[in-house]
Amino acid sequence: MADDLKPSDLTFGEKARIGALVARMAKRGMAGPAVDISDLQRKVERIERQAVKRKNGK
């Protein structure tokens, strides 16, 4: 999670989307270490960036 972002800064929808993405990452991770999960990590980072922008009022 971004350094200046707390779980309370996320909306319920953002928490749910991140939770679903983390579950998908875990499912892919069970397939083996060679499986790429970077696309899901980027989606989580994008959600976090949006939350930071909203928190900072930008």
PDB file of N, CA and C in Angstrom:
ATOM      1  N   MET A   1       0.844  -1.167   0.000  1.00  0.00           N
ATOM      2  CA  MET A   1       0.000   0.000   0.000  1.00  0.00           C
ATOM      3  C   MET A   1       0.889   1.229   0.000  1.00  0.00           C
ATOM      4  N   ALA A   2       0.391   2.298  -0.600  1.00  0.00           N
ATOM      5  CA  ALA A   2       1.152   3.542  -0.657  1.00  0.00           C
ATOM      6  C   ALA A   2       1.507   4.000   0.756  1.00  0.00           C
ATOM      7  N   ASP A   3       2.651   4.658   0.888  1.00  0.00           N
ATOM      8  CA  ASP A   3       3.173   5.029   2.203  1.00  0.00           C
ATOM      9  C   ASP A   3       2.219   5.901   3.014  1.00  0.00           C
ATOM     10  N   ASP A   4       1.600   6.891   2.377  1.00  0.00           N
ATOM     11  CA  ASP A   4       0.749   7.821   3.120  1.00  0.00           C
ATOM     12  C   ASP A   4      -0.727   7.462   3.054  1.00  0.00           C
ATOM     13  N   LEU A   5      -1.033   6.233   2.721  1.00  0.00           N
ATOM     14  CA  LEU A   5      -2.412   5.790   2.584  1.00  0.00           C
ATOM     15  C   LEU A   5      -2.730   4.772   3.674  1.00  0.00           C
ATOM     16  N   LYS A   6      -3.815   5.035   4.400  1.00  0.00           N
ATOM     17  CA  LYS A   6      -4.274   4.121   5.446  1.00  0.00           C
ATOM     18  C   LYS A   6      -5.505   3.376   4.935  1.00  0.00           C
ATOM     19  N   PRO A   7      -5.799   2.213   5.485  1.00  0.00           N
ATOM     20  CA  PRO A   7      -6.996   1.489   5.053  1.00  0.00           C
ATOM     21  C   PRO A   7      -8.276   2.321   5.207  1.00  0.00           C
ATOM     22  N   SER A   8      -8.306   3.212   6.171  1.00  0.00           N
ATOM     23  CA  SER A   8      -9.502   4.034   6.368  1.00  0.00           C
ATOM     24  C   SER A   8      -9.671   5.074   5.264  1.00  0.00           C
ATOM     25  N   ASP A   9      -8.626   5.309   4.456  1.00  0.00           N
ATOM     26  CA  ASP A   9      -8.717   6.260   3.353  1.00  0.00           C
ATOM     27  C   ASP A   9      -9.378   5.649   2.121  1.00  0.00           C
ATOM     28  N   LEU A  10      -9.528   4.329   2.110  1.00  0.00           N
ATOM     29  CA  LEU A  10     -10.134   3.643   0.976  1.00  0.00           C
ATOM     30  C   LEU A  10     -11.642   3.533   1.168  1.00  0.00           C
ATOM     31  N   THR A  11     -12.375   3.629   0.066  1.00  0.00           N
ATOM     32  CA  THR A  11     -13.815   3.411   0.135  1.00  0.00           C
ATOM     33  C   THR A  11     -14.079   1.915   0.215  1.00  0.00           C
ATOM     34  N   PHE A  12     -15.312   1.564   0.539  1.00  0.00           N
ATOM     35  CA  PHE A  12     -15.669   0.150   0.613  1.00  0.00           C
ATOM     36  C   PHE A  12     -15.458  -0.531  -0.734  1.00  0.00           C
ATOM     37  N   GLY A  13     -15.826   0.151  -1.807  1.00  0.00           N
ATOM     38  CA  GLY A  13     -15.661  -0.416  -3.147  1.00  0.00           C
ATOM     39  C   GLY A  13     -14.211  -0.657  -3.499  1.00  0.00           C
ATOM     40  N   GLU A  14     -13.347   0.278  -3.126  1.00  0.00           N
ATOM     41  CA  GLU A  14     -11.915   0.104  -3.391  1.00  0.00           C
ATOM     42  C   GLU A  14     -11.350  -1.062  -2.601  1.00  0.00           C
ATOM     43  N   LYS A  15     -11.776  -1.181  -1.351  1.00  0.00           N
ATOM     44  CA  LYS A  15     -11.312  -2.315  -0.532  1.00  0.00           C
ATOM     45  C   LYS A  15     -11.776  -3.630  -1.139  1.00  0.00           C
ATOM     46  N   ALA A  16     -13.003  -3.664  -1.623  1.00  0.00           N
ATOM     47  CA  ALA A  16     -13.533  -4.891  -2.220  1.00  0.00           C
ATOM     48  C   ALA A  16     -12.780  -5.239  -3.493  1.00  0.00           C
ATOM     49  N   ARG A  17     -12.509  -4.238  -4.343  1.00  0.00           N
ATOM     50  CA  ARG A  17     -11.775  -4.492  -5.585  1.00  0.00           C
ATOM     51  C   ARG A  17     -10.365  -4.971  -5.299  1.00  0.00           C
ATOM     52  N   ILE A  18      -9.702  -4.351  -4.313  1.00  0.00           N
ATOM     53  CA  ILE A  18      -8.349  -4.777  -3.953  1.00  0.00           C
ATOM     54  C   ILE A  18      -8.381  -6.199  -3.395  1.00  0.00           C
ATOM     55  N   GLY A  19      -9.371  -6.505  -2.581  1.00  0.00           N
ATOM     56  CA  GLY A  19      -9.497  -7.854  -2.033  1.00  0.00           C
ATOM     57  C   GLY A  19      -9.674  -8.897  -3.125  1.00  0.00           C
ATOM     58  N   ALA A  20     -10.492  -8.575  -4.120  1.00  0.00           N
ATOM     59  CA  ALA A  20     -10.703  -9.508  -5.227  1.00  0.00           C
ATOM     60  C   ALA A  20      -9.418  -9.690  -6.035  1.00  0.00           C
ATOM     61  N   LEU A  21      -8.686  -8.599  -6.241  1.00  0.00           N
ATOM     62  CA  LEU A  21      -7.424  -8.692  -6.987  1.00  0.00           C
ATOM     63  C   LEU A  21      -6.386  -9.498  -6.212  1.00  0.00           C
ATOM     64  N   VAL A  22      -6.338  -9.315  -4.900  1.00  0.00           N
ATOM     65  CA  VAL A  22      -5.401 -10.085  -4.078  1.00  0.00           C
ATOM     66  C   VAL A  22      -5.754 -11.569  -4.139  1.00  0.00           C
ATOM     67  N   ALA A  23      -7.046 -11.882  -4.141  1.00  0.00           N
ATOM     68  CA  ALA A  23      -7.462 -13.283  -4.255  1.00  0.00           C
ATOM     69  C   ALA A  23      -7.042 -13.865  -5.598  1.00  0.00           C
ATOM     70  N   ARG A  24      -7.165 -13.075  -6.660  1.00  0.00           N
ATOM     71  CA  ARG A  24      -6.729 -13.545  -7.975  1.00  0.00           C
ATOM     72  C   ARG A  24      -5.220 -13.749  -8.014  1.00  0.00           C
ATOM     73  N   MET A  25      -4.469 -12.840  -7.338  1.00  0.00           N
ATOM     74  CA  MET A  25      -3.012 -12.992  -7.277  1.00  0.00           C
ATOM     75  C   MET A  25      -2.651 -14.293  -6.548  1.00  0.00           C
ATOM     76  N   ALA A  26      -3.359 -14.572  -5.461  1.00  0.00           N
ATOM     77  CA  ALA A  26      -3.088 -15.789  -4.697  1.00  0.00           C
ATOM     78  C   ALA A  26      -3.396 -17.031  -5.529  1.00  0.00           C
ATOM     79  N   LYS A  27      -4.481 -16.979  -6.269  1.00  0.00           N
ATOM     80  CA  LYS A  27      -4.851 -18.116  -7.112  1.00  0.00           C
ATOM     81  C   LYS A  27      -3.792 -18.357  -8.174  1.00  0.00           C
ATOM     82  N   ARG A  28      -3.310 -17.284  -8.800  1.00  0.00           N
ATOM     83  CA  ARG A  28      -2.247 -17.424  -9.794  1.00  0.00           C
ATOM     84  C   ARG A  28      -0.955 -17.890  -9.135  1.00  0.00           C
ATOM     85  N   GLY A  29      -0.693 -17.420  -7.935  1.00  0.00           N
ATOM     86  CA  GLY A  29       0.524 -17.803  -7.234  1.00  0.00           C
ATOM     87  C   GLY A  29       0.569 -19.286  -6.935  1.00  0.00           C
ATOM     88  N   MET A  30      -0.596 -19.883  -6.743  1.00  0.00           N
ATOM     89  CA  MET A  30      -0.650 -21.331  -6.489  1.00  0.00           C
ATOM     90  C   MET A  30      -0.244 -22.123  -7.727  1.00  0.00           C
ATOM     91  N   ALA A  31      -0.320 -21.492  -8.892  1.00  0.00           N
ATOM     92  CA  ALA A  31       0.046 -22.181 -10.131  1.00  0.00           C
ATOM     93  C   ALA A  31       1.550 -22.341 -10.258  1.00  0.00           C
ATOM     94  N   GLY A  32       2.305 -21.570  -9.494  1.00  0.00           N
ATOM     95  CA  GLY A  32       3.756 -21.702  -9.524  1.00  0.00           C
ATOM     96  C   GLY A  32       4.446 -20.360  -9.566  1.00  0.00           C
ATOM     97  N   PRO A  33       5.740 -20.362  -9.302  1.00  0.00           N
ATOM     98  CA  PRO A  33       6.486 -19.098  -9.245  1.00  0.00           C
ATOM     99  C   PRO A  33       6.722 -18.455 -10.609  1.00  0.00           C
ATOM    100  N   ALA A  34       6.526 -19.180 -11.682  1.00  0.00           N
ATOM    101  CA  ALA A  34       6.778 -18.638 -13.015  1.00  0.00           C
ATOM    102  C   ALA A  34       5.589 -17.846 -13.564  1.00  0.00           C
ATOM    103  N   VAL A  35       4.477 -17.829 -12.845  1.00  0.00           N
ATOM    104  CA  VAL A  35       3.274 -17.147 -13.313  1.00  0.00           C
ATOM    105  C   VAL A  35       3.397 -15.650 -13.032  1.00  0.00           C
ATOM    106  N   ASP A  36       3.067 -14.844 -14.034  1.00  0.00           N
ATOM    107  CA  ASP A  36       3.191 -13.392 -13.934  1.00  0.00           C
ATOM    108  C   ASP A  36       1.927 -12.790 -13.314  1.00  0.00           C
ATOM    109  N   ILE A  37       2.098 -12.019 -12.230  1.00  0.00           N
ATOM    110  CA  ILE A  37       0.961 -11.340 -11.605  1.00  0.00           C
ATOM    111  C   ILE A  37       1.116  -9.824 -11.667  1.00  0.00           C
ATOM    112  N   SER A  38       2.050  -9.336 -12.468  1.00  0.00           N
ATOM    113  CA  SER A  38       2.334  -7.902 -12.505  1.00  0.00           C
ATOM    114  C   SER A  38       1.136  -7.088 -12.995  1.00  0.00           C
ATOM    115  N   ASP A  39       0.300  -7.664 -13.874  1.00  0.00           N
ATOM    116  CA  ASP A  39      -0.867  -6.928 -14.346  1.00  0.00           C
ATOM    117  C   ASP A  39      -1.844  -6.659 -13.210  1.00  0.00           C
ATOM    118  N   LEU A  40      -2.004  -7.617 -12.317  1.00  0.00           N
ATOM    119  CA  LEU A  40      -2.904  -7.426 -11.178  1.00  0.00           C
ATOM    120  C   LEU A  40      -2.304  -6.450 -10.170  1.00  0.00           C
ATOM    121  N   GLN A  41      -0.991  -6.495 -10.001  1.00  0.00           N
ATOM    122  CA  GLN A  41      -0.321  -5.551  -9.100  1.00  0.00           C
ATOM    123  C   GLN A  41      -0.489  -4.118  -9.602  1.00  0.00           C
ATOM    124  N   ARG A  42      -0.407  -3.926 -10.916  1.00  0.00           N
ATOM    125  CA  ARG A  42      -0.594  -2.583 -11.483  1.00  0.00           C
ATOM    126  C   ARG A  42      -2.015  -2.078 -11.236  1.00  0.00           C
ATOM    127  N   LYS A  43      -2.994  -2.968 -11.317  1.00  0.00           N
ATOM    128  CA  LYS A  43      -4.378  -2.570 -11.061  1.00  0.00           C
ATOM    129  C   LYS A  43      -4.548  -2.119  -9.615  1.00  0.00           C
ATOM    130  N   VAL A  44      -3.934  -2.830  -8.670  1.00  0.00           N
ATOM    131  CA  VAL A  44      -3.999  -2.439  -7.259  1.00  0.00           C
ATOM    132  C   VAL A  44      -3.312  -1.087  -7.067  1.00  0.00           C
ATOM    133  N   GLU A  45      -2.159  -0.902  -7.684  1.00  0.00           N
ATOM    134  CA  GLU A  45      -1.439   0.370  -7.559  1.00  0.00           C
ATOM    135  C   GLU A  45      -2.255   1.522  -8.120  1.00  0.00           C
ATOM    136  N   ARG A  46      -2.984   1.282  -9.218  1.00  0.00           N
ATOM    137  CA  ARG A  46      -3.819   2.329  -9.804  1.00  0.00           C
ATOM    138  C   ARG A  46      -4.948   2.718  -8.843  1.00  0.00           C
ATOM    139  N   ILE A  47      -5.559   1.738  -8.196  1.00  0.00           N
ATOM    140  CA  ILE A  47      -6.609   2.024  -7.218  1.00  0.00           C
ATOM    141  C   ILE A  47      -6.040   2.849  -6.067  1.00  0.00           C
ATOM    142  N   GLU A  48      -4.838   2.471  -5.604  1.00  0.00           N
ATOM    143  CA  GLU A  48      -4.201   3.205  -4.509  1.00  0.00           C
ATOM    144  C   GLU A  48      -3.880   4.638  -4.915  1.00  0.00           C
ATOM    145  N   ARG A  49      -3.391   4.831  -6.154  1.00  0.00           N
ATOM    146  CA  ARG A  49      -3.089   6.201  -6.621  1.00  0.00           C
ATOM    147  C   ARG A  49      -4.343   7.056  -6.656  1.00  0.00           C
ATOM    148  N   GLN A  50      -5.463   6.473  -7.097  1.00  0.00           N
ATOM    149  CA  GLN A  50      -6.726   7.209  -7.136  1.00  0.00           C
ATOM    150  C   GLN A  50      -7.162   7.604  -5.728  1.00  0.00           C
ATOM    151  N   ALA A  51      -6.969   6.716  -4.769  1.00  0.00           N
ATOM    152  CA  ALA A  51      -7.340   7.013  -3.379  1.00  0.00           C
ATOM    153  C   ALA A  51      -6.464   8.119  -2.816  1.00  0.00           C
ATOM    154  N   VAL A  52      -5.172   8.118  -3.136  1.00  0.00           N
ATOM    155  CA  VAL A  52      -4.279   9.159  -2.666  1.00  0.00           C
ATOM    156  C   VAL A  52      -4.677  10.505  -3.258  1.00  0.00           C
ATOM    157  N   LYS A  53      -5.007  10.529  -4.548  1.00  0.00           N
ATOM    158  CA  LYS A  53      -5.449  11.780  -5.192  1.00  0.00           C
ATOM    159  C   LYS A  53      -6.698  12.314  -4.498  1.00  0.00           C
ATOM    160  N   ARG A  54      -7.645  11.419  -4.209  1.00  0.00           N
ATOM    161  CA  ARG A  54      -8.883  11.845  -3.546  1.00  0.00           C
ATOM    162  C   ARG A  54      -8.588  12.367  -2.156  1.00  0.00           C
ATOM    163  N   LYS A  55      -7.681  11.700  -1.437  1.00  0.00           N
ATOM    164  CA  LYS A  55      -7.321  12.111  -0.078  1.00  0.00           C
ATOM    165  C   LYS A  55      -6.673  13.485  -0.073  1.00  0.00           C
ATOM    166  N   ASN A  56      -5.813  13.733  -1.052  1.00  0.00           N
ATOM    167  CA  ASN A  56      -5.097  15.001  -1.121  1.00  0.00           C
ATOM    168  C   ASN A  56      -5.913  16.104  -1.775  1.00  0.00           C
ATOM    169  N   GLY A  57      -7.083  15.765  -2.272  1.00  0.00           N
ATOM    170  CA  GLY A  57      -7.953  16.773  -2.871  1.00  0.00           C
ATOM    171  C   GLY A  57      -7.568  17.189  -4.264  1.00  0.00           C
ATOM    172  N   LYS A  58      -6.882  16.330  -4.981  1.00  0.00           N
ATOM    173  CA  LYS A  58      -6.447  16.690  -6.342  1.00  0.00           C
ATOM    174  C   LYS A  58      -7.287  15.990  -7.360  1.00  0.00           C
TER     175      LYS A  58
END
